[in-house]
Amino acid sequence: MSPEFRDLKWALVASRHRSLRQAAETLNTRQSTLSRRLHDLECALGVDLFERTTGGTKLTPVGREFLDAARPIIDEADRLFLTFKTRRNGGSRPLRIGICSSLSAGNLRETLAELRRQIADADILLVDGAKEGLLGELGAVAIDVAILTSGGGRWNDRVLPLWGERV
């Protein structure tokens, strides 16, 4: 059985959460379904993408390499589908929000959920990436806003603190 596009997206979500339970909640699916799809993806590739322990999951070195290569493909496909879906519905382009994968839980998740509740009819596209990459995309107007940890360098005059937390 060949892997599906959804499997790649699910693997990315699982890598962000480091917990299959949390990733399954985010994906609105059962943990067993997510685990089976990830296992099938690993079997199709012939490599272990995740190291599973009682404390959660983490990417193996080859898993990190694979998902680093898959991430731009998935992001571009998401942008493509959303662009044409929006165009079909006669709407404007989506709000493109860049986020650091290390911030994908906690306050950020709740903030984005609240944003979706407040502007339910808006198309929102989340773009995952590293801080420097997102700053580059912001400068190139590939994304509209980036949610990052503090210290935006050349963007300090255009920063709005959203919350503070101990890490």
N, C-alpha and C. Protein backbone atom coordinates (compact mmCIF):
# COMPACT_ATOMS: atom_id res chain seq x y z
N MET A 1 0.85 -1.17 0.00
CA MET A 1 0.00 0.00 0.00
C MET A 1 0.90 1.24 0.00
N SER A 2 0.63 2.18 -0.90
CA SER A 2 1.47 3.37 -0.95
C SER A 2 0.92 4.43 0.02
N PRO A 3 1.81 5.23 0.59
CA PRO A 3 1.39 6.26 1.54
C PRO A 3 0.49 7.30 0.88
N GLU A 4 -0.38 7.89 1.66
CA GLU A 4 -1.26 8.94 1.19
C GLU A 4 -0.74 10.29 1.69
N PHE A 5 -1.18 11.33 1.00
CA PHE A 5 -0.79 12.69 1.38
C PHE A 5 -1.16 12.96 2.84
N ARG A 6 -2.32 12.47 3.25
CA ARG A 6 -2.79 12.67 4.63
C ARG A 6 -1.78 12.09 5.62
N ASP A 7 -1.16 10.96 5.28
CA ASP A 7 -0.19 10.35 6.18
C ASP A 7 0.99 11.27 6.45
N LEU A 8 1.42 11.99 5.43
CA LEU A 8 2.52 12.94 5.60
C LEU A 8 2.11 14.07 6.55
N LYS A 9 0.90 14.58 6.34
CA LYS A 9 0.41 15.66 7.20
C LYS A 9 0.28 15.17 8.65
N TRP A 10 -0.23 13.97 8.81
CA TRP A 10 -0.39 13.42 10.16
C TRP A 10 0.96 13.21 10.82
N ALA A 11 1.95 12.78 10.06
CA ALA A 11 3.30 12.60 10.62
C ALA A 11 3.86 13.95 11.09
N LEU A 12 3.61 15.01 10.33
CA LEU A 12 4.06 16.33 10.74
C LEU A 12 3.40 16.75 12.05
N VAL A 13 2.11 16.53 12.16
CA VAL A 13 1.39 16.89 13.40
C VAL A 13 1.94 16.08 14.56
N ALA A 14 2.14 14.79 14.36
CA ALA A 14 2.68 13.94 15.43
C ALA A 14 4.07 14.40 15.85
N SER A 15 4.87 14.86 14.91
CA SER A 15 6.22 15.32 15.25
C SER A 15 6.17 16.60 16.08
N ARG A 16 5.18 17.43 15.87
CA ARG A 16 5.04 18.67 16.63
C ARG A 16 4.63 18.40 18.07
N HIS A 17 3.73 17.46 18.26
CA HIS A 17 3.16 17.24 19.59
C HIS A 17 3.99 16.32 20.47
N ARG A 18 4.73 15.42 19.87
CA ARG A 18 5.54 14.44 20.60
C ARG A 18 4.67 13.56 21.50
N SER A 19 3.40 13.54 21.21
CA SER A 19 2.45 12.69 21.93
C SER A 19 1.38 12.28 20.92
N LEU A 20 1.24 10.99 20.70
CA LEU A 20 0.23 10.54 19.73
C LEU A 20 -1.18 10.88 20.22
N ARG A 21 -1.38 10.86 21.53
CA ARG A 21 -2.70 11.22 22.07
C ARG A 21 -3.04 12.67 21.72
N GLN A 22 -2.11 13.59 21.98
CA GLN A 22 -2.35 15.01 21.68
C GLN A 22 -2.48 15.24 20.18
N ALA A 23 -1.64 14.57 19.40
CA ALA A 23 -1.71 14.72 17.95
C ALA A 23 -3.06 14.22 17.43
N ALA A 24 -3.53 13.09 17.96
CA ALA A 24 -4.82 12.54 17.54
C ALA A 24 -5.95 13.50 17.89
N GLU A 25 -5.87 14.14 19.05
CA GLU A 25 -6.88 15.13 19.43
C GLU A 25 -6.88 16.29 18.44
N THR A 26 -5.71 16.77 18.09
CA THR A 26 -5.60 17.87 17.14
C THR A 26 -6.18 17.48 15.78
N LEU A 27 -5.94 16.24 15.38
CA LEU A 27 -6.42 15.75 14.08
C LEU A 27 -7.86 15.26 14.12
N ASN A 28 -8.44 15.26 15.31
CA ASN A 28 -9.82 14.80 15.49
C ASN A 28 -9.99 13.35 15.02
N THR A 29 -9.07 12.51 15.47
CA THR A 29 -9.13 11.08 15.15
C THR A 29 -8.73 10.29 16.38
N ARG A 30 -8.86 8.99 16.32
CA ARG A 30 -8.47 8.14 17.44
C ARG A 30 -6.96 7.93 17.42
N GLN A 31 -6.38 7.77 18.61
CA GLN A 31 -4.96 7.54 18.72
C GLN A 31 -4.55 6.27 17.99
N SER A 32 -5.37 5.24 18.08
CA SER A 32 -5.04 3.97 17.41
C SER A 32 -5.01 4.14 15.89
N THR A 33 -5.91 4.96 15.36
CA THR A 33 -5.92 5.22 13.91
C THR A 33 -4.65 5.94 13.49
N LEU A 34 -4.29 6.97 14.24
CA LEU A 34 -3.06 7.72 13.94
C LEU A 34 -1.84 6.80 14.03
N SER A 35 -1.76 6.02 15.08
CA SER A 35 -0.63 5.12 15.26
C SER A 35 -0.52 4.12 14.11
N ARG A 36 -1.65 3.57 13.69
CA ARG A 36 -1.65 2.61 12.58
C ARG A 36 -1.20 3.27 11.28
N ARG A 37 -1.68 4.50 11.00
CA ARG A 37 -1.28 5.21 9.77
C ARG A 37 0.21 5.53 9.77
N LEU A 38 0.74 5.93 10.93
CA LEU A 38 2.18 6.22 11.01
C LEU A 38 2.99 4.94 10.83
N HIS A 39 2.53 3.86 11.41
CA HIS A 39 3.21 2.57 11.25
C HIS A 39 3.19 2.15 9.78
N ASP A 40 2.05 2.32 9.11
CA ASP A 40 1.96 1.97 7.69
C ASP A 40 2.91 2.83 6.85
N LEU A 41 3.02 4.11 7.19
CA LEU A 41 3.94 5.00 6.48
C LEU A 41 5.37 4.52 6.67
N GLU A 42 5.72 4.18 7.90
CA GLU A 42 7.07 3.69 8.17
C GLU A 42 7.35 2.40 7.41
N CYS A 43 6.37 1.51 7.36
CA CYS A 43 6.55 0.25 6.62
C CYS A 43 6.74 0.52 5.12
N ALA A 44 5.96 1.45 4.58
CA ALA A 44 6.08 1.77 3.15
C ALA A 44 7.45 2.36 2.83
N LEU A 45 8.00 3.14 3.76
CA LEU A 45 9.31 3.76 3.55
C LEU A 45 10.45 2.82 3.91
N GLY A 46 10.17 1.85 4.76
CA GLY A 46 11.21 0.93 5.20
C GLY A 46 12.13 1.51 6.26
N VAL A 47 11.67 2.54 6.96
CA VAL A 47 12.47 3.17 8.02
C VAL A 47 11.56 3.54 9.19
N ASP A 48 12.15 3.68 10.36
CA ASP A 48 11.42 4.18 11.52
C ASP A 48 11.51 5.70 11.53
N LEU A 49 10.37 6.37 11.49
CA LEU A 49 10.34 7.82 11.55
C LEU A 49 10.29 8.31 13.00
N PHE A 50 9.64 7.50 13.86
CA PHE A 50 9.43 7.90 15.25
C PHE A 50 10.02 6.86 16.19
N GLU A 51 10.53 7.35 17.30
CA GLU A 51 10.93 6.49 18.40
C GLU A 51 9.80 6.58 19.41
N ARG A 52 9.17 5.46 19.70
CA ARG A 52 8.04 5.44 20.61
C ARG A 52 8.51 4.95 21.98
N THR A 53 8.20 5.75 23.01
CA THR A 53 8.55 5.39 24.38
C THR A 53 7.32 5.60 25.25
N THR A 54 7.42 5.19 26.50
CA THR A 54 6.30 5.42 27.42
C THR A 54 6.11 6.91 27.68
N GLY A 55 7.13 7.71 27.45
CA GLY A 55 7.04 9.15 27.65
C GLY A 55 6.56 9.92 26.43
N GLY A 56 6.26 9.22 25.34
CA GLY A 56 5.78 9.88 24.13
C GLY A 56 6.53 9.40 22.90
N THR A 57 6.53 10.24 21.90
CA THR A 57 7.22 9.91 20.66
C THR A 57 8.17 11.04 20.30
N LYS A 58 9.24 10.68 19.62
CA LYS A 58 10.13 11.71 19.09
C LYS A 58 10.66 11.21 17.76
N LEU A 59 11.04 12.15 16.93
CA LEU A 59 11.55 11.80 15.60
C LEU A 59 12.91 11.13 15.71
N THR A 60 13.10 10.15 14.86
CA THR A 60 14.44 9.58 14.68
C THR A 60 15.20 10.54 13.76
N PRO A 61 16.51 10.40 13.66
CA PRO A 61 17.25 11.27 12.72
C PRO A 61 16.73 11.16 11.28
N VAL A 62 16.43 9.94 10.83
CA VAL A 62 15.90 9.79 9.47
C VAL A 62 14.48 10.35 9.38
N GLY A 63 13.73 10.26 10.48
CA GLY A 63 12.39 10.85 10.51
C GLY A 63 12.44 12.36 10.37
N ARG A 64 13.40 12.98 11.05
CA ARG A 64 13.57 14.43 10.94
C ARG A 64 13.95 14.82 9.52
N GLU A 65 14.85 14.06 8.94
CA GLU A 65 15.27 14.34 7.56
C GLU A 65 14.09 14.19 6.60
N PHE A 66 13.33 13.14 6.76
CA PHE A 66 12.17 12.90 5.89
C PHE A 66 11.14 14.02 6.01
N LEU A 67 10.79 14.38 7.25
CA LEU A 67 9.76 15.42 7.43
C LEU A 67 10.26 16.80 7.05
N ASP A 68 11.57 17.05 7.21
CA ASP A 68 12.12 18.33 6.73
C ASP A 68 11.96 18.45 5.22
N ALA A 69 12.10 17.33 4.52
CA ALA A 69 11.92 17.33 3.06
C ALA A 69 10.44 17.37 2.69
N ALA A 70 9.59 16.74 3.48
CA ALA A 70 8.15 16.68 3.18
C ALA A 70 7.42 17.99 3.51
N ARG A 71 7.90 18.72 4.52
CA ARG A 71 7.20 19.92 5.00
C ARG A 71 6.94 20.95 3.89
N PRO A 72 7.93 21.33 3.08
CA PRO A 72 7.65 22.32 2.03
C PRO A 72 6.64 21.82 1.00
N ILE A 73 6.67 20.53 0.73
CA ILE A 73 5.71 19.96 -0.23
C ILE A 73 4.29 20.06 0.32
N ILE A 74 4.14 19.71 1.58
CA ILE A 74 2.82 19.75 2.22
C ILE A 74 2.34 21.19 2.33
N ASP A 75 3.21 22.10 2.75
CA ASP A 75 2.82 23.50 2.87
C ASP A 75 2.38 24.07 1.52
N GLU A 76 3.13 23.75 0.48
CA GLU A 76 2.78 24.28 -0.85
C GLU A 76 1.46 23.68 -1.34
N ALA A 77 1.26 22.40 -1.09
CA ALA A 77 -0.01 21.77 -1.50
C ALA A 77 -1.18 22.39 -0.73
N ASP A 78 -1.00 22.64 0.58
CA ASP A 78 -2.05 23.29 1.36
C ASP A 78 -2.38 24.66 0.79
N ARG A 79 -1.33 25.42 0.45
CA ARG A 79 -1.56 26.76 -0.13
C ARG A 79 -2.30 26.65 -1.46
N LEU A 80 -1.90 25.72 -2.28
CA LEU A 80 -2.53 25.52 -3.59
C LEU A 80 -4.01 25.20 -3.44
N PHE A 81 -4.32 24.21 -2.61
CA PHE A 81 -5.72 23.81 -2.42
C PHE A 81 -6.55 24.95 -1.85
N LEU A 82 -6.00 25.65 -0.87
CA LEU A 82 -6.75 26.74 -0.25
C LEU A 82 -6.95 27.90 -1.21
N THR A 83 -5.95 28.20 -2.01
CA THR A 83 -6.07 29.29 -2.98
C THR A 83 -7.20 29.03 -3.96
N PHE A 84 -7.26 27.82 -4.49
CA PHE A 84 -8.29 27.53 -5.48
C PHE A 84 -9.66 27.31 -4.84
N LYS A 85 -9.69 26.80 -3.63
CA LYS A 85 -10.96 26.68 -2.91
C LYS A 85 -11.53 28.07 -2.66
N THR A 86 -10.67 28.98 -2.23
CA THR A 86 -11.09 30.35 -1.96
C THR A 86 -11.55 31.03 -3.25
N ARG A 87 -10.82 30.86 -4.31
CA ARG A 87 -11.17 31.45 -5.59
C ARG A 87 -12.52 30.92 -6.08
N ARG A 88 -12.74 29.61 -5.92
CA ARG A 88 -13.99 28.99 -6.33
C ARG A 88 -15.17 29.61 -5.58
N ASN A 89 -14.96 29.92 -4.32
CA ASN A 89 -16.03 30.48 -3.50
C ASN A 89 -16.14 32.00 -3.65
N GLY A 90 -15.37 32.58 -4.55
CA GLY A 90 -15.44 34.01 -4.80
C GLY A 90 -14.81 34.85 -3.71
N GLY A 91 -14.02 34.24 -2.84
CA GLY A 91 -13.43 34.97 -1.73
C GLY A 91 -12.06 35.51 -2.05
N SER A 92 -11.51 36.19 -1.08
CA SER A 92 -10.16 36.71 -1.22
C SER A 92 -9.17 35.63 -0.76
N ARG A 93 -7.91 35.95 -0.82
CA ARG A 93 -6.93 34.95 -0.44
C ARG A 93 -6.98 34.73 1.08
N PRO A 94 -6.49 33.60 1.53
CA PRO A 94 -6.56 33.29 2.96
C PRO A 94 -5.60 34.12 3.79
N LEU A 95 -5.89 34.22 5.08
CA LEU A 95 -4.98 34.81 6.04
C LEU A 95 -3.91 33.77 6.31
N ARG A 96 -2.66 34.10 6.01
CA ARG A 96 -1.56 33.15 6.15
C ARG A 96 -0.77 33.46 7.41
N ILE A 97 -0.83 32.53 8.37
CA ILE A 97 -0.19 32.72 9.67
C ILE A 97 0.97 31.74 9.80
N GLY A 98 2.17 32.28 10.01
CA GLY A 98 3.35 31.44 10.22
C GLY A 98 3.52 31.14 11.69
N ILE A 99 3.77 29.88 12.02
CA ILE A 99 3.98 29.49 13.41
C ILE A 99 5.22 28.62 13.51
N CYS A 100 5.90 28.73 14.64
CA CYS A 100 7.03 27.83 14.93
C CYS A 100 6.47 26.54 15.47
N SER A 101 6.94 25.43 14.97
CA SER A 101 6.42 24.14 15.42
C SER A 101 6.59 23.94 16.92
N SER A 102 7.60 24.56 17.51
CA SER A 102 7.81 24.40 18.95
C SER A 102 6.74 25.12 19.76
N LEU A 103 5.95 25.96 19.12
CA LEU A 103 4.90 26.69 19.82
C LEU A 103 3.51 26.14 19.54
N SER A 104 3.41 24.94 18.96
CA SER A 104 2.14 24.46 18.45
C SER A 104 1.16 23.97 19.50
N ALA A 105 1.50 24.08 20.75
CA ALA A 105 0.58 23.63 21.80
C ALA A 105 0.32 24.79 22.76
N GLY A 106 -0.49 24.53 23.77
CA GLY A 106 -0.71 25.51 24.83
C GLY A 106 -1.42 26.76 24.38
N ASN A 107 -0.84 27.92 24.74
CA ASN A 107 -1.48 29.20 24.46
C ASN A 107 -1.72 29.43 22.97
N LEU A 108 -0.79 29.03 22.14
CA LEU A 108 -0.94 29.26 20.70
C LEU A 108 -2.14 28.48 20.17
N ARG A 109 -2.26 27.22 20.57
CA ARG A 109 -3.38 26.42 20.09
C ARG A 109 -4.71 27.06 20.50
N GLU A 110 -4.78 27.50 21.75
CA GLU A 110 -6.01 28.14 22.23
C GLU A 110 -6.27 29.46 21.52
N THR A 111 -5.22 30.22 21.27
CA THR A 111 -5.36 31.50 20.57
C THR A 111 -5.88 31.29 19.15
N LEU A 112 -5.33 30.31 18.46
CA LEU A 112 -5.77 30.03 17.09
C LEU A 112 -7.19 29.48 17.06
N ALA A 113 -7.54 28.66 18.05
CA ALA A 113 -8.91 28.15 18.13
C ALA A 113 -9.89 29.30 18.35
N GLU A 114 -9.52 30.25 19.19
CA GLU A 114 -10.38 31.41 19.43
C GLU A 114 -10.50 32.27 18.18
N LEU A 115 -9.40 32.45 17.45
CA LEU A 115 -9.44 33.20 16.19
C LEU A 115 -10.41 32.54 15.21
N ARG A 116 -10.34 31.23 15.11
CA ARG A 116 -11.25 30.51 14.20
C ARG A 116 -12.71 30.66 14.64
N ARG A 117 -12.95 30.70 15.94
CA ARG A 117 -14.33 30.90 16.44
C ARG A 117 -14.82 32.31 16.11
N GLN A 118 -13.94 33.30 16.27
CA GLN A 118 -14.34 34.69 16.07
C GLN A 118 -14.56 35.03 14.60
N ILE A 119 -13.76 34.45 13.72
CA ILE A 119 -13.92 34.72 12.29
C ILE A 119 -14.08 33.39 11.55
N ALA A 120 -15.16 32.72 11.87
CA ALA A 120 -15.40 31.36 11.38
C ALA A 120 -15.46 31.28 9.86
N ASP A 121 -15.87 32.36 9.19
CA ASP A 121 -16.00 32.30 7.73
C ASP A 121 -14.70 32.65 7.01
N ALA A 122 -13.65 32.98 7.75
CA ALA A 122 -12.36 33.34 7.12
C ALA A 122 -11.55 32.07 6.84
N ASP A 123 -10.84 32.08 5.73
CA ASP A 123 -9.91 31.00 5.44
C ASP A 123 -8.58 31.35 6.08
N ILE A 124 -8.12 30.46 6.94
CA ILE A 124 -6.85 30.66 7.65
C ILE A 124 -5.92 29.53 7.26
N LEU A 125 -4.74 29.88 6.82
CA LEU A 125 -3.74 28.89 6.44
C LEU A 125 -2.58 29.01 7.41
N LEU A 126 -2.27 27.91 8.11
CA LEU A 126 -1.13 27.88 9.02
C LEU A 126 0.09 27.36 8.27
N VAL A 127 1.18 28.10 8.39
CA VAL A 127 2.44 27.73 7.76
C VAL A 127 3.44 27.47 8.87
N ASP A 128 3.94 26.26 8.93
CA ASP A 128 4.85 25.84 9.97
C ASP A 128 6.29 26.07 9.50
N GLY A 129 7.14 26.51 10.41
CA GLY A 129 8.53 26.69 10.03
C GLY A 129 9.38 27.16 11.19
N ALA A 130 10.66 27.24 10.93
CA ALA A 130 11.60 27.76 11.92
C ALA A 130 11.53 29.28 11.93
N LYS A 131 11.97 29.87 13.02
CA LYS A 131 11.87 31.32 13.21
C LYS A 131 12.47 32.11 12.05
N GLU A 132 13.70 31.82 11.68
CA GLU A 132 14.36 32.58 10.61
C GLU A 132 13.66 32.38 9.27
N GLY A 133 13.20 31.17 9.00
CA GLY A 133 12.48 30.90 7.76
C GLY A 133 11.18 31.67 7.69
N LEU A 134 10.47 31.73 8.81
CA LEU A 134 9.21 32.48 8.85
C LEU A 134 9.45 33.98 8.69
N LEU A 135 10.52 34.48 9.28
CA LEU A 135 10.84 35.90 9.11
C LEU A 135 11.14 36.21 7.64
N GLY A 136 11.81 35.28 6.96
CA GLY A 136 12.07 35.45 5.53
C GLY A 136 10.79 35.44 4.73
N GLU A 137 9.86 34.53 5.07
CA GLU A 137 8.58 34.47 4.37
C GLU A 137 7.75 35.72 4.65
N LEU A 138 7.85 36.25 5.86
CA LEU A 138 7.15 37.48 6.20
C LEU A 138 7.68 38.64 5.37
N GLY A 139 9.00 38.71 5.24
CA GLY A 139 9.63 39.77 4.43
C GLY A 139 9.28 39.65 2.96
N ALA A 140 9.08 38.43 2.48
CA ALA A 140 8.74 38.20 1.07
C ALA A 140 7.23 38.22 0.84
N VAL A 141 6.48 38.53 1.88
CA VAL A 141 5.01 38.61 1.84
C VAL A 141 4.40 37.25 1.45
N ALA A 142 5.09 36.17 1.78
CA ALA A 142 4.54 34.83 1.56
C ALA A 142 3.58 34.46 2.68
N ILE A 143 3.73 35.11 3.85
CA ILE A 143 2.79 34.97 4.95
C ILE A 143 2.41 36.36 5.42
N ASP A 144 1.26 36.46 6.09
CA ASP A 144 0.76 37.76 6.54
C ASP A 144 1.25 38.13 7.93
N VAL A 145 1.42 37.13 8.78
CA VAL A 145 1.83 37.36 10.16
C VAL A 145 2.61 36.13 10.62
N ALA A 146 3.55 36.35 11.53
CA ALA A 146 4.31 35.23 12.11
C ALA A 146 4.18 35.31 13.62
N ILE A 147 3.89 34.17 14.23
CA ILE A 147 3.82 34.09 15.69
C ILE A 147 5.07 33.35 16.13
N LEU A 148 5.95 34.10 16.83
CA LEU A 148 7.28 33.59 17.18
C LEU A 148 7.58 33.84 18.64
N THR A 149 8.66 33.25 19.11
CA THR A 149 9.16 33.61 20.43
C THR A 149 9.76 35.01 20.34
N SER A 150 9.99 35.64 21.47
CA SER A 150 10.45 37.04 21.47
C SER A 150 11.80 37.19 20.79
N GLY A 151 12.11 38.43 20.43
CA GLY A 151 13.38 38.75 19.80
C GLY A 151 13.33 38.64 18.31
N GLY A 152 12.49 39.45 17.67
CA GLY A 152 12.32 39.40 16.23
C GLY A 152 13.37 40.13 15.43
N GLY A 153 14.44 40.61 16.08
CA GLY A 153 15.53 41.26 15.34
C GLY A 153 15.05 42.47 14.58
N ARG A 154 15.19 42.43 13.26
CA ARG A 154 14.86 43.59 12.43
C ARG A 154 13.38 43.94 12.46
N TRP A 155 12.55 43.10 13.05
CA TRP A 155 11.11 43.35 13.10
C TRP A 155 10.68 43.94 14.44
N ASN A 156 11.61 44.29 15.32
CA ASN A 156 11.26 44.74 16.67
C ASN A 156 10.27 45.90 16.68
N ASP A 157 10.28 46.75 15.67
CA ASP A 157 9.36 47.88 15.65
C ASP A 157 7.95 47.46 15.21
N ARG A 158 7.78 46.22 14.79
CA ARG A 158 6.48 45.75 14.32
C ARG A 158 6.04 44.50 15.07
N VAL A 159 6.35 44.45 16.37
CA VAL A 159 6.06 43.30 17.20
C VAL A 159 4.93 43.63 18.16
N LEU A 160 4.00 42.68 18.31
CA LEU A 160 2.92 42.80 19.28
C LEU A 160 3.00 41.61 20.23
N PRO A 161 3.38 41.84 21.49
CA PRO A 161 3.44 40.71 22.44
C PRO A 161 2.02 40.16 22.65
N LEU A 162 1.88 38.85 22.57
CA LEU A 162 0.58 38.21 22.73
C LEU A 162 0.38 37.63 24.12
N TRP A 163 1.43 37.01 24.69
CA TRP A 163 1.38 36.46 26.02
C TRP A 163 2.79 36.15 26.47
N GLY A 164 2.94 35.88 27.75
CA GLY A 164 4.23 35.47 28.30
C GLY A 164 4.03 34.15 29.02
N GLU A 165 5.05 33.32 28.99
CA GLU A 165 4.97 32.06 29.72
C GLU A 165 6.37 31.59 30.05
N ARG A 166 6.47 30.83 31.13
CA ARG A 166 7.75 30.23 31.50
C ARG A 166 7.98 29.00 30.66
N VAL A 167 9.16 28.87 30.14
CA VAL A 167 9.50 27.71 29.32
C VAL A 167 10.55 26.91 30.07
